[in-house]
Amino acid sequence: MYFYLDRTSLKKIGEEIINKKDLRTIRRWCKKNHLLIFKDASGEFVYTADLDLVCDGPLILRLKQKYGNGWLEYYKAYLNGELLNMLDFGTDTKNAKSDYIPKGQFASRISRKSA
């Protein structure tokens, strides 16, 4: 029984992700990001799951900081393209009452017109 994991070639990483052509530069980028490079008869490659984790790492850290334990729900929504459904836009601005108190006659007239 064999398991197949998706692969991404170093050339494809250079073209689509880091915009570099030189394989030495691409290898350095992989090393800097702790991405293991594997070799076989088809050439050098990395596993796509590892590459996705490296690319999404900053997003995951930001979601963990912002949403705490609920970060995984937001990340799944991001992957499925449903992030707009997760966002809370707060209260309706027309019904929200402001704590602003106008100081002059002109400001009083403007605040009455907008209310």
C-alpha atoms as a PDB file:
ATOM      1  CA  MET A   1       0.000   0.000   0.000  1.00  0.00           C
ATOM      2  CA  TYR A   2       1.470   3.330  -1.095  1.00  0.00           C
ATOM      3  CA  PHE A   3       0.443   6.817  -0.137  1.00  0.00           C
ATOM      4  CA  TYR A   4       0.939   9.669  -2.543  1.00  0.00           C
ATOM      5  CA  LEU A   5       1.569  13.173  -1.285  1.00  0.00           C
ATOM      6  CA  ASP A   6       1.300  16.136  -3.631  1.00  0.00           C
ATOM      7  CA  ARG A   7       4.629  17.591  -4.628  1.00  0.00           C
ATOM      8  CA  THR A   8       5.766  20.995  -5.809  1.00  0.00           C
ATOM      9  CA  SER A   9       8.951  21.310  -7.835  1.00  0.00           C
ATOM     10  CA  LEU A  10      11.572  23.880  -6.933  1.00  0.00           C
ATOM     11  CA  LYS A  11      11.134  25.463 -10.356  1.00  0.00           C
ATOM     12  CA  LYS A  12       7.429  25.986  -9.689  1.00  0.00           C
ATOM     13  CA  ILE A  13       8.190  27.527  -6.269  1.00  0.00           C
ATOM     14  CA  GLY A  14      10.586  29.929  -7.958  1.00  0.00           C
ATOM     15  CA  GLU A  15       8.133  30.937 -10.666  1.00  0.00           C
ATOM     16  CA  GLU A  16       4.916  31.210  -8.667  1.00  0.00           C
ATOM     17  CA  ILE A  17       5.851  31.989  -5.073  1.00  0.00           C
ATOM     18  CA  ILE A  18       9.163  33.792  -4.695  1.00  0.00           C
ATOM     19  CA  ASN A  19       9.615  35.053  -8.284  1.00  0.00           C
ATOM     20  CA  LYS A  20      13.188  33.741  -8.684  1.00  0.00           C
ATOM     21  CA  LYS A  21      14.753  31.582 -11.393  1.00  0.00           C
ATOM     22  CA  ASP A  22      18.058  30.559  -9.850  1.00  0.00           C
ATOM     23  CA  LEU A  23      17.824  27.189  -8.089  1.00  0.00           C
ATOM     24  CA  ARG A  24      20.446  28.237  -5.520  1.00  0.00           C
ATOM     25  CA  THR A  25      18.249  31.134  -4.443  1.00  0.00           C
ATOM     26  CA  ILE A  26      15.192  28.895  -4.250  1.00  0.00           C
ATOM     27  CA  ARG A  27      17.117  26.353  -2.135  1.00  0.00           C
ATOM     28  CA  ARG A  28      18.243  29.156   0.217  1.00  0.00           C
ATOM     29  CA  TRP A  29      14.645  30.343   0.562  1.00  0.00           C
ATOM     30  CA  CYS A  30      13.516  26.798   1.394  1.00  0.00           C
ATOM     31  CA  LYS A  31      16.297  26.425   3.962  1.00  0.00           C
ATOM     32  CA  LYS A  32      15.491  29.787   5.550  1.00  0.00           C
ATOM     33  CA  ASN A  33      11.833  28.748   5.873  1.00  0.00           C
ATOM     34  CA  HIS A  34      12.697  25.270   7.232  1.00  0.00           C
ATOM     35  CA  LEU A  35      11.269  23.548   4.164  1.00  0.00           C
ATOM     36  CA  LEU A  36      12.821  20.156   3.447  1.00  0.00           C
ATOM     37  CA  ILE A  37      13.891  19.514  -0.140  1.00  0.00           C
ATOM     38  CA  PHE A  38      13.619  15.960  -1.471  1.00  0.00           C
ATOM     39  CA  LYS A  39      15.179  14.458  -4.605  1.00  0.00           C
ATOM     40  CA  ASP A  40      14.161  11.619  -6.852  1.00  0.00           C
ATOM     41  CA  ALA A  41      14.368  10.767 -10.558  1.00  0.00           C
ATOM     42  CA  SER A  42      11.967  13.607 -11.415  1.00  0.00           C
ATOM     43  CA  GLY A  43      14.159  16.238  -9.730  1.00  0.00           C
ATOM     44  CA  GLU A  44      14.036  18.287  -6.556  1.00  0.00           C
ATOM     45  CA  PHE A  45      10.710  18.941  -4.873  1.00  0.00           C
ATOM     46  CA  VAL A  46       8.986  19.778  -1.588  1.00  0.00           C
ATOM     47  CA  TYR A  47       5.721  18.441  -0.300  1.00  0.00           C
ATOM     48  CA  THR A  48       2.839  20.766  -1.075  1.00  0.00           C
ATOM     49  CA  ALA A  49       1.361  20.456   2.435  1.00  0.00           C
ATOM     50  CA  ASP A  50       4.645  21.700   3.943  1.00  0.00           C
ATOM     51  CA  LEU A  51       4.793  24.548   1.421  1.00  0.00           C
ATOM     52  CA  ASP A  52       1.213  25.603   2.220  1.00  0.00           C
ATOM     53  CA  LEU A  53       2.045  25.653   5.914  1.00  0.00           C
ATOM     54  CA  VAL A  54       5.086  27.866   5.305  1.00  0.00           C
ATOM     55  CA  CYS A  55       3.091  30.255   3.111  1.00  0.00           C
ATOM     56  CA  ASP A  56       0.098  30.394   5.477  1.00  0.00           C
ATOM     57  CA  GLY A  57       2.200  30.551   8.664  1.00  0.00           C
ATOM     58  CA  PRO A  58       2.026  34.349   9.110  1.00  0.00           C
ATOM     59  CA  LEU A  59      -1.737  34.278   8.541  1.00  0.00           C
ATOM     60  CA  ILE A  60      -2.187  31.507  11.104  1.00  0.00           C
ATOM     61  CA  LEU A  61      -0.142  33.403  13.707  1.00  0.00           C
ATOM     62  CA  ARG A  62      -2.171  36.554  13.113  1.00  0.00           C
ATOM     63  CA  LEU A  63      -5.453  34.627  13.427  1.00  0.00           C
ATOM     64  CA  LYS A  64      -4.238  33.029  16.679  1.00  0.00           C
ATOM     65  CA  GLN A  65      -3.415  36.459  18.102  1.00  0.00           C
ATOM     66  CA  LYS A  66      -6.689  38.023  17.031  1.00  0.00           C
ATOM     67  CA  TYR A  67      -9.199  35.199  17.663  1.00  0.00           C
ATOM     68  CA  GLY A  68      -7.494  32.984  20.265  1.00  0.00           C
ATOM     69  CA  ASN A  69      -8.959  29.484  20.384  1.00  0.00           C
ATOM     70  CA  GLY A  70     -11.384  30.230  17.529  1.00  0.00           C
ATOM     71  CA  TRP A  71      -8.584  30.776  14.987  1.00  0.00           C
ATOM     72  CA  LEU A  72      -9.138  27.403  13.314  1.00  0.00           C
ATOM     73  CA  GLU A  73     -12.707  28.283  12.301  1.00  0.00           C
ATOM     74  CA  TYR A  74     -11.476  31.491  10.656  1.00  0.00           C
ATOM     75  CA  TYR A  75      -8.632  29.636   8.918  1.00  0.00           C
ATOM     76  CA  LYS A  76     -11.026  27.003   7.534  1.00  0.00           C
ATOM     77  CA  ALA A  77     -13.331  29.771   6.317  1.00  0.00           C
ATOM     78  CA  TYR A  78     -10.326  31.447   4.672  1.00  0.00           C
ATOM     79  CA  LEU A  79      -9.378  28.218   2.879  1.00  0.00           C
ATOM     80  CA  ASN A  80     -12.954  27.663   1.679  1.00  0.00           C
ATOM     81  CA  GLY A  81     -13.371  31.276   0.552  1.00  0.00           C
ATOM     82  CA  GLU A  82     -16.110  31.939   3.120  1.00  0.00           C
ATOM     83  CA  LEU A  83     -14.286  34.489   5.245  1.00  0.00           C
ATOM     84  CA  LEU A  84     -16.865  37.217   4.626  1.00  0.00           C
ATOM     85  CA  ASN A  85     -19.494  35.036   6.300  1.00  0.00           C
ATOM     86  CA  MET A  86     -17.367  34.918   9.470  1.00  0.00           C
ATOM     87  CA  LEU A  87     -16.781  38.654   9.818  1.00  0.00           C
ATOM     88  CA  ASP A  88     -18.800  40.651  12.313  1.00  0.00           C
ATOM     89  CA  PHE A  89     -19.306  44.181  11.069  1.00  0.00           C
ATOM     90  CA  GLY A  90     -20.706  45.440  14.370  1.00  0.00           C
ATOM     91  CA  THR A  91     -23.821  47.509  14.885  1.00  0.00           C
ATOM     92  CA  ASP A  92     -25.754  49.416  12.280  1.00  0.00           C
ATOM     93  CA  THR A  93     -24.217  52.882  11.958  1.00  0.00           C
ATOM     94  CA  LYS A  94     -27.583  54.627  11.452  1.00  0.00           C
ATOM     95  CA  ASN A  95     -28.914  53.471  14.826  1.00  0.00           C
ATOM     96  CA  ALA A  96     -25.647  53.837  16.724  1.00  0.00           C
ATOM     97  CA  LYS A  97     -25.631  56.832  19.057  1.00  0.00           C
ATOM     98  CA  SER A  98     -22.464  58.857  19.257  1.00  0.00           C
ATOM     99  CA  ASP A  99     -20.986  60.317  22.428  1.00  0.00           C
ATOM    100  CA  TYR A 100     -20.041  63.443  20.491  1.00  0.00           C
ATOM    101  CA  ILE A 101     -21.329  66.712  21.925  1.00  0.00           C
ATOM    102  CA  PRO A 102     -21.120  69.666  19.511  1.00  0.00           C
ATOM    103  CA  LYS A 103     -19.320  72.693  20.943  1.00  0.00           C
ATOM    104  CA  GLY A 104     -20.328  75.442  18.535  1.00  0.00           C
ATOM    105  CA  GLN A 105     -23.436  76.651  16.700  1.00  0.00           C
ATOM    106  CA  PHE A 106     -22.216  75.406  13.336  1.00  0.00           C
ATOM    107  CA  ALA A 107     -21.385  71.918  14.693  1.00  0.00           C
ATOM    108  CA  SER A 108     -24.804  71.800  16.408  1.00  0.00           C
ATOM    109  CA  ARG A 109     -26.592  72.534  13.131  1.00  0.00           C
ATOM    110  CA  ILE A 110     -24.609  69.859  11.271  1.00  0.00           C
ATOM    111  CA  SER A 111     -25.227  67.215  13.945  1.00  0.00           C
ATOM    112  CA  ARG A 112     -28.984  67.942  13.921  1.00  0.00           C
ATOM    113  CA  LYS A 113     -29.150  67.600  10.132  1.00  0.00           C
ATOM    114  CA  SER A 114     -27.351  64.233  10.157  1.00  0.00           C
ATOM    115  CA  ALA A 115     -29.520  62.831  12.965  1.00  0.00           C
END
